[in-house]
Amino acid sequence: GACDFINRTIKRKALVFMLSDFVDNGFHKKLGTLSQKHETI
């Protein structure tokens, strides 16, 4: 959901730092979509 929000909200290419413990399920593909639009770390 966070990845979707960023893709909808940030129009120009940005550098995104995702700080999380990544204890979640089913987010890998959305994270990949985010990294295609924005440089993601």
Full PDB file with SEQRES, HELIX, SHEET, SSBOND, CRYST1, ORIGX, SCALE, CONECT and MASTER records, all heavy atoms in Angstrom:
SEQRES   1 A   41  GLY ALA CYS ASP PHE ILE ASN ARG THR ILE LYS ARG LYS          
SEQRES   2 A   41  ALA LEU VAL PHE MET LEU SER ASP PHE VAL ASP ASN GLY          
SEQRES   3 A   41  PHE HIS LYS LYS LEU GLY THR LEU SER GLN LYS HIS GLU          
SEQRES   4 A   41  THR ILE                                                      
HELIX    1 AA1 ALA A    2  THR A    9  1                                   8    
HELIX    2 AA2 HIS A   28  LYS A   37  1                                  10    
SHEET    1 AA1 2 LEU A  15  VAL A  16  0                                        
SHEET    2 AA1 2 GLU A  39  THR A  40  1                                        
CRYST1    1.000    1.000    1.000  90.00  90.00  90.00 P 1           1          
ORIGX1      1.000000  0.000000  0.000000        0.00000                         
ORIGX2      0.000000  1.000000  0.000000        0.00000                         
ORIGX3      0.000000  0.000000  1.000000        0.00000                         
SCALE1      1.000000  0.000000  0.000000        0.00000                         
SCALE2      0.000000  1.000000  0.000000        0.00000                         
SCALE3      0.000000  0.000000  1.000000        0.00000                         
ATOM      1  N   GLY A   1       0.821  -1.207   0.000  1.00  0.00           N  
ATOM      2  CA  GLY A   1       0.000   0.000   0.000  1.00  0.00           C  
ATOM      3  C   GLY A   1       0.857   1.259   0.000  1.00  0.00           C  
ATOM      4  O   GLY A   1       0.516   2.250  -0.648  1.00  0.00           O  
ATOM      5  N   ALA A   2       1.978   1.222   0.733  1.00  0.00           N  
ATOM      6  CA  ALA A   2       2.894   2.366   0.761  1.00  0.00           C  
ATOM      7  C   ALA A   2       3.499   2.597  -0.618  1.00  0.00           C  
ATOM      8  O   ALA A   2       3.632   3.740  -1.077  1.00  0.00           O  
ATOM      9  CB  ALA A   2       3.988   2.138   1.803  1.00  0.00           C  
ATOM     10  N   CYS A   3       3.869   1.504  -1.294  1.00  0.00           N  
ATOM     11  CA  CYS A   3       4.440   1.614  -2.642  1.00  0.00           C  
ATOM     12  C   CYS A   3       3.421   2.231  -3.604  1.00  0.00           C  
ATOM     13  O   CYS A   3       3.773   3.099  -4.425  1.00  0.00           O  
ATOM     14  CB  CYS A   3       4.869   0.239  -3.141  1.00  0.00           C  
ATOM     15  SG  CYS A   3       6.266  -0.479  -2.244  1.00  0.00           S  
ATOM     16  N   ASP A   4       2.178   1.780  -3.529  1.00  0.00           N  
ATOM     17  CA  ASP A   4       1.124   2.338  -4.385  1.00  0.00           C  
ATOM     18  C   ASP A   4       0.945   3.834  -4.129  1.00  0.00           C  
ATOM     19  O   ASP A   4       0.797   4.626  -5.061  1.00  0.00           O  
ATOM     20  CB  ASP A   4      -0.206   1.612  -4.131  1.00  0.00           C  
ATOM     21  CG  ASP A   4      -0.265   0.246  -4.786  1.00  0.00           C  
ATOM     22  OD1 ASP A   4       0.523  -0.001  -5.719  1.00  0.00           O  
ATOM     23  OD2 ASP A   4      -1.095  -0.580  -4.359  1.00  0.00           O  
ATOM     24  N   PHE A   5       0.942   4.225  -2.857  1.00  0.00           N  
ATOM     25  CA  PHE A   5       0.771   5.640  -2.497  1.00  0.00           C  
ATOM     26  C   PHE A   5       1.894   6.488  -3.102  1.00  0.00           C  
ATOM     27  O   PHE A   5       1.646   7.560  -3.662  1.00  0.00           O  
ATOM     28  CB  PHE A   5       0.752   5.796  -0.981  1.00  0.00           C  
ATOM     29  CG  PHE A   5       0.581   7.225  -0.527  1.00  0.00           C  
ATOM     30  CD1 PHE A   5      -0.681   7.763  -0.350  1.00  0.00           C  
ATOM     31  CD2 PHE A   5       1.692   8.029  -0.290  1.00  0.00           C  
ATOM     32  CE1 PHE A   5      -0.839   9.090   0.051  1.00  0.00           C  
ATOM     33  CE2 PHE A   5       1.545   9.344   0.116  1.00  0.00           C  
ATOM     34  CZ  PHE A   5       0.281   9.875   0.290  1.00  0.00           C  
ATOM     35  N   ILE A   6       3.133   6.019  -2.990  1.00  0.00           N  
ATOM     36  CA  ILE A   6       4.275   6.772  -3.529  1.00  0.00           C  
ATOM     37  C   ILE A   6       4.156   6.915  -5.038  1.00  0.00           C  
ATOM     38  O   ILE A   6       4.359   8.002  -5.594  1.00  0.00           O  
ATOM     39  CB  ILE A   6       5.603   6.084  -3.154  1.00  0.00           C  
ATOM     40  CG1 ILE A   6       5.789   6.093  -1.634  1.00  0.00           C  
ATOM     41  CG2 ILE A   6       6.781   6.788  -3.836  1.00  0.00           C  
ATOM     42  CD1 ILE A   6       6.912   5.194  -1.149  1.00  0.00           C  
ATOM     43  N   ASN A   7       3.813   5.822  -5.719  1.00  0.00           N  
ATOM     44  CA  ASN A   7       3.693   5.880  -7.176  1.00  0.00           C  
ATOM     45  C   ASN A   7       2.585   6.822  -7.627  1.00  0.00           C  
ATOM     46  O   ASN A   7       2.704   7.484  -8.666  1.00  0.00           O  
ATOM     47  CB  ASN A   7       3.458   4.473  -7.742  1.00  0.00           C  
ATOM     48  CG  ASN A   7       4.743   3.691  -7.891  1.00  0.00           C  
ATOM     49  OD1 ASN A   7       5.813   4.265  -8.087  1.00  0.00           O  
ATOM     50  ND2 ASN A   7       4.655   2.374  -7.793  1.00  0.00           N  
ATOM     51  N   ARG A   8       1.505   6.901  -6.856  1.00  0.00           N  
ATOM     52  CA  ARG A   8       0.403   7.807  -7.199  1.00  0.00           C  
ATOM     53  C   ARG A   8       0.751   9.264  -6.902  1.00  0.00           C  
ATOM     54  O   ARG A   8       0.308  10.177  -7.602  1.00  0.00           O  
ATOM     55  CB  ARG A   8      -0.866   7.447  -6.418  1.00  0.00           C  
ATOM     56  CG  ARG A   8      -1.555   6.180  -6.833  1.00  0.00           C  
ATOM     57  CD  ARG A   8      -2.977   6.125  -6.265  1.00  0.00           C  
ATOM     58  NE  ARG A   8      -3.029   6.421  -4.835  1.00  0.00           N  
ATOM     59  CZ  ARG A   8      -2.953   5.505  -3.874  1.00  0.00           C  
ATOM     60  NH1 ARG A   8      -2.814   4.233  -4.208  1.00  0.00           N  
ATOM     61  NH2 ARG A   8      -3.032   5.849  -2.598  1.00  0.00           N  
ATOM     62  N   THR A   9       1.542   9.470  -5.855  1.00  0.00           N  
ATOM     63  CA  THR A   9       1.736  10.818  -5.328  1.00  0.00           C  
ATOM     64  C   THR A   9       2.957  11.529  -5.904  1.00  0.00           C  
ATOM     65  O   THR A   9       2.894  12.729  -6.219  1.00  0.00           O  
ATOM     66  CB  THR A   9       1.869  10.769  -3.786  1.00  0.00           C  
ATOM     67  OG1 THR A   9       0.747  10.059  -3.246  1.00  0.00           O  
ATOM     68  CG2 THR A   9       1.901  12.168  -3.194  1.00  0.00           C  
ATOM     69  N   ILE A  10       4.067  10.829  -6.032  1.00  0.00           N  
ATOM     70  CA  ILE A  10       5.310  11.436  -6.528  1.00  0.00           C  
ATOM     71  C   ILE A  10       5.371  11.241  -8.037  1.00  0.00           C  
ATOM     72  O   ILE A  10       5.555  10.125  -8.520  1.00  0.00           O  
ATOM     73  CB  ILE A  10       6.545  10.801  -5.856  1.00  0.00           C  
ATOM     74  CG1 ILE A  10       6.439  10.876  -4.342  1.00  0.00           C  
ATOM     75  CG2 ILE A  10       7.822  11.492  -6.340  1.00  0.00           C  
ATOM     76  CD1 ILE A  10       6.528  12.256  -3.766  1.00  0.00           C  
ATOM     77  N   LYS A  11       5.194  12.318  -8.772  1.00  0.00           N  
ATOM     78  CA  LYS A  11       5.105  12.221 -10.233  1.00  0.00           C  
ATOM     79  C   LYS A  11       6.475  12.158 -10.899  1.00  0.00           C  
ATOM     80  O   LYS A  11       6.683  11.395 -11.835  1.00  0.00           O  
ATOM     81  CB  LYS A  11       4.321  13.420 -10.791  1.00  0.00           C  
ATOM     82  CG  LYS A  11       2.899  13.534 -10.241  1.00  0.00           C  
ATOM     83  CD  LYS A  11       2.089  12.275 -10.500  1.00  0.00           C  
ATOM     84  CE  LYS A  11       0.668  12.398  -9.957  1.00  0.00           C  
ATOM     85  NZ  LYS A  11      -0.079  11.136 -10.117  1.00  0.00           N  
ATOM     86  N   ARG A  12       7.412  12.996 -10.441  1.00  0.00           N  
ATOM     87  CA  ARG A  12       8.742  12.999 -11.039  1.00  0.00           C  
ATOM     88  C   ARG A  12       9.625  11.974 -10.341  1.00  0.00           C  
ATOM     89  O   ARG A  12       9.422  11.649  -9.170  1.00  0.00           O  
ATOM     90  CB  ARG A  12       9.374  14.392 -10.928  1.00  0.00           C  
ATOM     91  CG  ARG A  12       8.558  15.472 -11.625  1.00  0.00           C  
ATOM     92  CD  ARG A  12       9.239  16.817 -11.538  1.00  0.00           C  
ATOM     93  NE  ARG A  12      10.478  16.839 -12.299  1.00  0.00           N  
ATOM     94  CZ  ARG A  12      11.289  17.889 -12.362  1.00  0.00           C  
ATOM     95  NH1 ARG A  12      11.003  18.991 -11.673  1.00  0.00           N  
ATOM     96  NH2 ARG A  12      12.393  17.850 -13.074  1.00  0.00           N  
ATOM     97  N   LYS A  13      10.623  11.497 -11.057  1.00  0.00           N  
ATOM     98  CA  LYS A  13      11.503  10.475 -10.499  1.00  0.00           C  
ATOM     99  C   LYS A  13      12.174  10.976  -9.239  1.00  0.00           C  
ATOM    100  O   LYS A  13      12.696  12.083  -9.185  1.00  0.00           O  
ATOM    101  CB  LYS A  13      12.562  10.059 -11.523  1.00  0.00           C  
ATOM    102  CG  LYS A  13      13.414   8.891 -11.045  1.00  0.00           C  
ATOM    103  CD  LYS A  13      14.298   8.361 -12.142  1.00  0.00           C  
ATOM    104  CE  LYS A  13      15.080   7.146 -11.646  1.00  0.00           C  
ATOM    105  NZ  LYS A  13      15.921   6.562 -12.703  1.00  0.00           N  
ATOM    106  N   ALA A  14      12.165  10.149  -8.190  1.00  0.00           N  
ATOM    107  CA  ALA A  14      12.731  10.514  -6.896  1.00  0.00           C  
ATOM    108  C   ALA A  14      13.634   9.390  -6.395  1.00  0.00           C  
ATOM    109  O   ALA A  14      13.643   8.282  -6.937  1.00  0.00           O  
ATOM    110  CB  ALA A  14      11.622  10.787  -5.883  1.00  0.00           C  
ATOM    111  N   LEU A  15      14.393   9.721  -5.356  1.00  0.00           N  
ATOM    112  CA  LEU A  15      15.184   8.713  -4.648  1.00  0.00           C  
ATOM    113  C   LEU A  15      14.405   8.346  -3.389  1.00  0.00           C  
ATOM    114  O   LEU A  15      14.197   9.189  -2.517  1.00  0.00           O  
ATOM    115  CB  LEU A  15      16.562   9.273  -4.290  1.00  0.00           C  
ATOM    116  CG  LEU A  15      17.470   8.384  -3.442  1.00  0.00           C  
ATOM    117  CD1 LEU A  15      17.735   7.045  -4.125  1.00  0.00           C  
ATOM    118  CD2 LEU A  15      18.788   9.098  -3.139  1.00  0.00           C  
ATOM    119  N   VAL A  16      13.945   7.105  -3.322  1.00  0.00           N  
ATOM    120  CA  VAL A  16      13.102   6.655  -2.214  1.00  0.00           C  
ATOM    121  C   VAL A  16      13.895   5.742  -1.286  1.00  0.00           C  
ATOM    122  O   VAL A  16      14.470   4.740  -1.724  1.00  0.00           O  
ATOM    123  CB  VAL A  16      11.859   5.897  -2.737  1.00  0.00           C  
ATOM    124  CG1 VAL A  16      11.031   5.370  -1.562  1.00  0.00           C  
ATOM    125  CG2 VAL A  16      11.015   6.796  -3.619  1.00  0.00           C  
ATOM    126  N   PHE A  17      13.938   6.111  -0.007  1.00  0.00           N  
ATOM    127  CA  PHE A  17      14.506   5.240   1.026  1.00  0.00           C  
ATOM    128  C   PHE A  17      13.341   4.598   1.769  1.00  0.00           C  
ATOM    129  O   PHE A  17      12.539   5.293   2.386  1.00  0.00           O  
ATOM    130  CB  PHE A  17      15.371   6.033   2.001  1.00  0.00           C  
ATOM    131  CG  PHE A  17      16.650   6.555   1.423  1.00  0.00           C  
ATOM    132  CD1 PHE A  17      16.716   7.830   0.880  1.00  0.00           C  
ATOM    133  CD2 PHE A  17      17.790   5.773   1.404  1.00  0.00           C  
ATOM    134  CE1 PHE A  17      17.891   8.315   0.341  1.00  0.00           C  
ATOM    135  CE2 PHE A  17      18.976   6.245   0.867  1.00  0.00           C  
ATOM    136  CZ  PHE A  17      19.030   7.525   0.336  1.00  0.00           C  
ATOM    137  N   MET A  18      13.245   3.280   1.697  1.00  0.00           N  
ATOM    138  CA  MET A  18      12.202   2.546   2.404  1.00  0.00           C  
ATOM    139  C   MET A  18      12.812   1.965   3.674  1.00  0.00           C  
ATOM    140  O   MET A  18      13.654   1.063   3.616  1.00  0.00           O  
ATOM    141  CB  MET A  18      11.647   1.428   1.516  1.00  0.00           C  
ATOM    142  CG  MET A  18      10.580   0.573   2.147  1.00  0.00           C  
ATOM    143  SD  MET A  18       8.956   1.351   2.197  1.00  0.00           S  
ATOM    144  CE  MET A  18       8.467   1.283   0.457  1.00  0.00           C  
ATOM    145  N   LEU A  19      12.408   2.506   4.828  1.00  0.00           N  
ATOM    146  CA  LEU A  19      12.920   2.036   6.113  1.00  0.00           C  
ATOM    147  C   LEU A  19      11.843   1.197   6.791  1.00  0.00           C  
ATOM    148  O   LEU A  19      10.781   1.697   7.164  1.00  0.00           O  
ATOM    149  CB  LEU A  19      13.297   3.219   7.012  1.00  0.00           C  
ATOM    150  CG  LEU A  19      14.521   4.031   6.596  1.00  0.00           C  
ATOM    151  CD1 LEU A  19      14.131   5.167   5.655  1.00  0.00           C  
ATOM    152  CD2 LEU A  19      15.231   4.612   7.823  1.00  0.00           C  
ATOM    153  N   SER A  20      12.125  -0.104   6.951  1.00  0.00           N  
ATOM    154  CA  SER A  20      11.136  -1.030   7.487  1.00  0.00           C  
ATOM    155  C   SER A  20      11.846  -2.275   7.989  1.00  0.00           C  
ATOM    156  O   SER A  20      13.028  -2.496   7.683  1.00  0.00           O  
ATOM    157  CB  SER A  20      10.124  -1.391   6.390  1.00  0.00           C  
ATOM    158  OG  SER A  20       9.209  -2.385   6.838  1.00  0.00           O  
ATOM    159  N   ASP A  21      11.131  -3.097   8.780  1.00  0.00           N  
ATOM    160  CA  ASP A  21      11.683  -4.415   9.103  1.00  0.00           C  
ATOM    161  C   ASP A  21      11.293  -5.430   8.032  1.00  0.00           C  
ATOM    162  O   ASP A  21      11.764  -6.561   8.045  1.00  0.00           O  
ATOM    163  CB  ASP A  21      11.225  -4.888  10.492  1.00  0.00           C  
ATOM    164  CG  ASP A  21       9.709  -4.833  10.663  1.00  0.00           C  
ATOM    165  OD1 ASP A  21       8.984  -4.737   9.653  1.00  0.00           O  
ATOM    166  OD2 ASP A  21       9.253  -4.874  11.823  1.00  0.00           O  
ATOM    167  N   PHE A  22      10.419  -5.018   7.113  1.00  0.00           N  
ATOM    168  CA  PHE A  22       9.965  -5.840   5.985  1.00  0.00           C  
ATOM    169  C   PHE A  22       9.333  -7.146   6.444  1.00  0.00           C  
ATOM    170  O   PHE A  22       9.400  -8.168   5.749  1.00  0.00           O  
ATOM    171  CB  PHE A  22      11.118  -6.093   4.990  1.00  0.00           C  
ATOM    172  CG  PHE A  22      11.563  -4.837   4.289  1.00  0.00           C  
ATOM    173  CD1 PHE A  22      12.624  -4.093   4.787  1.00  0.00           C  
ATOM    174  CD2 PHE A  22      10.901  -4.373   3.166  1.00  0.00           C  
ATOM    175  CE1 PHE A  22      13.026  -2.921   4.164  1.00  0.00           C  
ATOM    176  CE2 PHE A  22      11.287  -3.201   2.534  1.00  0.00           C  
ATOM    177  CZ  PHE A  22      12.354  -2.470   3.026  1.00  0.00           C  
ATOM    178  N   VAL A  23       8.728  -7.107   7.642  1.00  0.00           N  
ATOM    179  CA  VAL A  23       7.957  -8.263   8.118  1.00  0.00           C  
ATOM    180  C   VAL A  23       6.536  -8.091   7.593  1.00  0.00           C  
ATOM    181  O   VAL A  23       5.661  -7.516   8.241  1.00  0.00           O  
ATOM    182  CB  VAL A  23       7.987  -8.354   9.656  1.00  0.00           C  
ATOM    183  CG1 VAL A  23       7.179  -9.571  10.128  1.00  0.00           C  
ATOM    184  CG2 VAL A  23       9.419  -8.451  10.160  1.00  0.00           C  
ATOM    185  N   ASP A  24       6.315  -8.578   6.395  1.00  0.00           N  
ATOM    186  CA  ASP A  24       5.036  -8.409   5.696  1.00  0.00           C  
ATOM    187  C   ASP A  24       4.985  -9.444   4.583  1.00  0.00           C  
ATOM    188  O   ASP A  24       6.000 -10.076   4.258  1.00  0.00           O  
ATOM    189  CB  ASP A  24       4.944  -6.981   5.147  1.00  0.00           C  
ATOM    190  CG  ASP A  24       3.551  -6.629   4.641  1.00  0.00           C  
ATOM    191  OD1 ASP A  24       2.608  -7.369   4.965  1.00  0.00           O  
ATOM    192  OD2 ASP A  24       3.407  -5.629   3.916  1.00  0.00           O  
ATOM    193  N   ASN A  25       3.837  -9.614   3.986  1.00  0.00           N  
ATOM    194  CA  ASN A  25       3.684 -10.587   2.903  1.00  0.00           C  
ATOM    195  C   ASN A  25       3.113  -9.914   1.658  1.00  0.00           C  
ATOM    196  O   ASN A  25       2.406  -8.904   1.746  1.00  0.00           O  
ATOM    197  CB  ASN A  25       2.732 -11.716   3.329  1.00  0.00           C  
ATOM    198  CG  ASN A  25       3.281 -12.520   4.499  1.00  0.00           C  
ATOM    199  OD1 ASN A  25       4.413 -12.983   4.452  1.00  0.00           O  
ATOM    200  ND2 ASN A  25       2.490 -12.667   5.546  1.00  0.00           N  
ATOM    201  N   GLY A  26       3.443 -10.476   0.511  1.00  0.00           N  
ATOM    202  CA  GLY A  26       2.807 -10.075  -0.735  1.00  0.00           C  
ATOM    203  C   GLY A  26       3.162  -8.689  -1.246  1.00  0.00           C  
ATOM    204  O   GLY A  26       2.362  -8.084  -1.956  1.00  0.00           O  
ATOM    205  N   PHE A  27       4.336  -8.186  -0.890  1.00  0.00           N  
ATOM    206  CA  PHE A  27       4.691  -6.827  -1.310  1.00  0.00           C  
ATOM    207  C   PHE A  27       5.811  -6.782  -2.345  1.00  0.00           C  
ATOM    208  O   PHE A  27       6.118  -5.708  -2.874  1.00  0.00           O  
ATOM    209  CB  PHE A  27       5.104  -5.986  -0.097  1.00  0.00           C  
ATOM    210  CG  PHE A  27       6.379  -6.451   0.570  1.00  0.00           C  
ATOM    211  CD1 PHE A  27       7.611  -5.990   0.144  1.00  0.00           C  
ATOM    212  CD2 PHE A  27       6.327  -7.348   1.625  1.00  0.00           C  
ATOM    213  CE1 PHE A  27       8.782  -6.421   0.758  1.00  0.00           C  
ATOM    214  CE2 PHE A  27       7.497  -7.777   2.242  1.00  0.00           C  
ATOM    215  CZ  PHE A  27       8.726  -7.313   1.805  1.00  0.00           C  
ATOM    216  N   HIS A  28       6.444  -7.914  -2.643  1.00  0.00           N  
ATOM    217  CA  HIS A  28       7.631  -7.909  -3.496  1.00  0.00           C  
ATOM    218  C   HIS A  28       7.368  -7.287  -4.873  1.00  0.00           C  
ATOM    219  O   HIS A  28       8.152  -6.464  -5.361  1.00  0.00           O  
ATOM    220  CB  HIS A  28       8.174  -9.335  -3.669  1.00  0.00           C  
ATOM    221  CG  HIS A  28       8.735  -9.903  -2.403  1.00  0.00           C  
ATOM    222  ND1 HIS A  28       9.115 -11.224  -2.281  1.00  0.00           N  
ATOM    223  CD2 HIS A  28       8.976  -9.335  -1.184  1.00  0.00           C  
ATOM    224  CE1 HIS A  28       9.566 -11.451  -1.060  1.00  0.00           C  
ATOM    225  NE2 HIS A  28       9.483 -10.321  -0.375  1.00  0.00           N  
ATOM    226  N   LYS A  29       6.274  -7.667  -5.495  1.00  0.00           N  
ATOM    227  CA  LYS A  29       5.971  -7.156  -6.843  1.00  0.00           C  
ATOM    228  C   LYS A  29       5.719  -5.652  -6.813  1.00  0.00           C  
ATOM    229  O   LYS A  29       6.170  -4.914  -7.703  1.00  0.00           O  
ATOM    230  CB  LYS A  29       4.744  -7.890  -7.417  1.00  0.00           C  
ATOM    231  CG  LYS A  29       4.532  -7.633  -8.900  1.00  0.00           C  
ATOM    232  CD  LYS A  29       3.438  -8.536  -9.445  1.00  0.00           C  
ATOM    233  CE  LYS A  29       3.238  -8.287 -10.941  1.00  0.00           C  
ATOM    234  NZ  LYS A  29       2.173  -9.163 -11.498  1.00  0.00           N  
ATOM    235  N   LYS A  30       5.006  -5.169  -5.809  1.00  0.00           N  
ATOM    236  CA  LYS A  30       4.731  -3.731  -5.691  1.00  0.00           C  
ATOM    237  C   LYS A  30       6.023  -2.949  -5.451  1.00  0.00           C  
ATOM    238  O   LYS A  30       6.199  -1.832  -5.959  1.00  0.00           O  
ATOM    239  CB  LYS A  30       3.753  -3.465  -4.544  1.00  0.00           C  
ATOM    240  CG  LYS A  30       2.354  -3.999  -4.782  1.00  0.00           C  
ATOM    241  CD  LYS A  30       1.612  -3.173  -5.822  1.00  0.00           C  
ATOM    242  CE  LYS A  30       0.154  -3.596  -5.915  1.00  0.00           C  
ATOM    243  NZ  LYS A  30      -0.612  -2.794  -6.889  1.00  0.00           N  
ATOM    244  N   LEU A  31       6.933  -3.540  -4.666  1.00  0.00           N  
ATOM    245  CA  LEU A  31       8.227  -2.904  -4.427  1.00  0.00           C  
ATOM    246  C   LEU A  31       9.020  -2.831  -5.730  1.00  0.00           C  
ATOM    247  O   LEU A  31       9.704  -1.837  -6.002  1.00  0.00           O  
ATOM    248  CB  LEU A  31       9.007  -3.688  -3.367  1.00  0.00           C  
ATOM    249  CG  LEU A  31      10.252  -3.008  -2.782  1.00  0.00           C  
ATOM    250  CD1 LEU A  31       9.883  -1.727  -2.046  1.00  0.00           C  
ATOM    251  CD2 LEU A  31      10.985  -3.968  -1.841  1.00  0.00           C  
ATOM    252  N   GLY A  32       8.899  -3.876  -6.549  1.00  0.00           N  
ATOM    253  CA  GLY A  32       9.553  -3.869  -7.857  1.00  0.00           C  
ATOM    254  C   GLY A  32       8.996  -2.792  -8.765  1.00  0.00           C  
ATOM    255  O   GLY A  32       9.739  -2.106  -9.477  1.00  0.00           O  
ATOM    256  N   THR A  33       7.671  -2.619  -8.753  1.00  0.00           N  
ATOM    257  CA  THR A  33       7.038  -1.557  -9.549  1.00  0.00           C  
ATOM    258  C   THR A  33       7.524  -0.184  -9.095  1.00  0.00           C  
ATOM    259  O   THR A  33       7.791   0.703  -9.910  1.00  0.00           O  
ATOM    260  CB  THR A  33       5.506  -1.636  -9.421  1.00  0.00           C  
ATOM    261  OG1 THR A  33       5.072  -2.926  -9.848  1.00  0.00           O  
ATOM    262  CG2 THR A  33       4.831  -0.572 -10.266  1.00  0.00           C  
ATOM    263  N   LEU A  34       7.649  -0.010  -7.785  1.00  0.00           N  
ATOM    264  CA  LEU A  34       8.160   1.253  -7.247  1.00  0.00           C  
ATOM    265  C   LEU A  34       9.576   1.511  -7.744  1.00  0.00           C  
ATOM    266  O   LEU A  34       9.906   2.632  -8.152  1.00  0.00           O  
ATOM    267  CB  LEU A  34       8.148   1.202  -5.713  1.00  0.00           C  
ATOM    268  CG  LEU A  34       8.736   2.425  -4.996  1.00  0.00           C  
ATOM    269  CD1 LEU A  34       7.854   3.648  -5.199  1.00  0.00           C  
ATOM    270  CD2 LEU A  34       8.914   2.144  -3.500  1.00  0.00           C  
ATOM    271  N   SER A  35      10.413   0.481  -7.736  1.00  0.00           N  
ATOM    272  CA  SER A  35      11.815   0.651  -8.130  1.00  0.00           C  
ATOM    273  C   SER A  35      11.964   0.947  -9.616  1.00  0.00           C  
ATOM    274  O   SER A  35      12.972   1.505 -10.050  1.00  0.00           O  
ATOM    275  CB  SER A  35      12.623  -0.607  -7.775  1.00  0.00           C  
ATOM    276  OG  SER A  35      12.275  -1.688  -8.627  1.00  0.00           O  
ATOM    277  N   GLN A  36      10.959   0.573 -10.418  1.00  0.00           N  
ATOM    278  CA  GLN A  36      11.004   0.882 -11.848  1.00  0.00           C  
ATOM    279  C   GLN A  36      10.711   2.354 -12.115  1.00  0.00           C  
ATOM    280  O   GLN A  36      11.216   2.939 -13.072  1.00  0.00           O  
ATOM    281  CB  GLN A  36      10.008  -0.005 -12.603  1.00  0.00           C  
ATOM    282  CG  GLN A  36      10.431  -1.470 -12.659  1.00  0.00           C  
ATOM    283  CD  GLN A  36       9.318  -2.382 -13.143  1.00  0.00           C  
ATOM    284  OE1 GLN A  36       8.206  -1.941 -13.431  1.00  0.00           O  
ATOM    285  NE2 GLN A  36       9.606  -3.670 -13.228  1.00  0.00           N  
ATOM    286  N   LYS A  37       9.909   2.961 -11.253  1.00  0.00           N  
ATOM    287  CA  LYS A  37       9.555   4.372 -11.427  1.00  0.00           C  
ATOM    288  C   LYS A  37      10.495   5.292 -10.663  1.00  0.00           C  
ATOM    289  O   LYS A  37      10.854   6.376 -11.130  1.00  0.00           O  
ATOM    290  CB  LYS A  37       8.114   4.604 -10.965  1.00  0.00           C  
ATOM    291  CG  LYS A  37       7.634   6.031 -11.206  1.00  0.00           C  
ATOM    292  CD  LYS A  37       6.162   6.198 -10.852  1.00  0.00           C  
ATOM    293  CE  LYS A  37       5.702   7.626 -11.102  1.00  0.00           C  
ATOM    294  NZ  LYS A  37       4.285   7.832 -10.738  1.00  0.00           N  
ATOM    295  N   HIS A  38      10.887   4.874  -9.456  1.00  0.00           N  
ATOM    296  CA  HIS A  38      11.760   5.686  -8.605  1.00  0.00           C  
ATOM    297  C   HIS A  38      12.976   4.871  -8.194  1.00  0.00           C  
ATOM    298  O   HIS A  38      12.882   3.664  -7.981  1.00  0.00           O  
ATOM    299  CB  HIS A  38      11.022   6.149  -7.352  1.00  0.00           C  
ATOM    300  CG  HIS A  38       9.779   6.947  -7.632  1.00  0.00           C  
ATOM    301  ND1 HIS A  38       9.815   8.216  -8.154  1.00  0.00           N  
ATOM    302  CD2 HIS A  38       8.468   6.641  -7.470  1.00  0.00           C  
ATOM    303  CE1 HIS A  38       8.577   8.672  -8.296  1.00  0.00           C  
ATOM    304  NE2 HIS A  38       7.744   7.731  -7.888  1.00  0.00           N  
ATOM    305  N   GLU A  39      14.107   5.550  -8.063  1.00  0.00           N  
ATOM    306  CA  GLU A  39      15.299   4.883  -7.551  1.00  0.00           C  
ATOM    307  C   GLU A  39      15.027   4.517  -6.094  1.00  0.00           C  
ATOM    308  O   GLU A  39      14.725   5.391  -5.282  1.00  0.00           O  
ATOM    309  CB  GLU A  39      16.496   5.829  -7.658  1.00  0.00           C  
ATOM    310  CG  GLU A  39      17.825   5.120  -7.620  1.00  0.00           C  
ATOM    311  CD  GLU A  39      18.971   6.051  -7.997  1.00  0.00           C  
ATOM    312  OE1 GLU A  39      18.698   7.178  -8.449  1.00  0.00           O  
ATOM    313  OE2 GLU A  39      20.112   5.639  -7.821  1.00  0.00           O  
ATOM    314  N   THR A  40      15.130   3.236  -5.768  1.00  0.00           N  
ATOM    315  CA  THR A  40      14.686   2.763  -4.462  1.00  0.00           C  
ATOM    316  C   THR A  40      15.813   2.081  -3.696  1.00  0.00           C  
ATOM    317  O   THR A  40      16.534   1.248  -4.249  1.00  0.00           O  
ATOM    318  CB  THR A  40      13.508   1.781  -4.617  1.00  0.00           C  
ATOM    319  OG1 THR A  40      12.460   2.425  -5.367  1.00  0.00           O  
ATOM    320  CG2 THR A  40      12.963   1.351  -3.269  1.00  0.00           C  
ATOM    321  N   ILE A  41      15.956   2.453  -2.430  1.00  0.00           N  
ATOM    322  CA  ILE A  41      16.931   1.820  -1.543  1.00  0.00           C  
ATOM    323  C   ILE A  41      16.178   1.296  -0.324  1.00  0.00           C  
ATOM    324  O   ILE A  41      15.406   2.022   0.298  1.00  0.00           O  
ATOM    325  CB  ILE A  41      18.020   2.813  -1.099  1.00  0.00           C  
ATOM    326  CG1 ILE A  41      18.841   3.287  -2.318  1.00  0.00           C  
ATOM    327  CG2 ILE A  41      18.947   2.182  -0.063  1.00  0.00           C  
ATOM    328  CD1 ILE A  41      19.847   4.371  -1.992  1.00  0.00           C  
TER     329      ILE A  41                                                      
MASTER        0    0    0    2    2    0    0    6  328    1    0    4          
END                                                                             
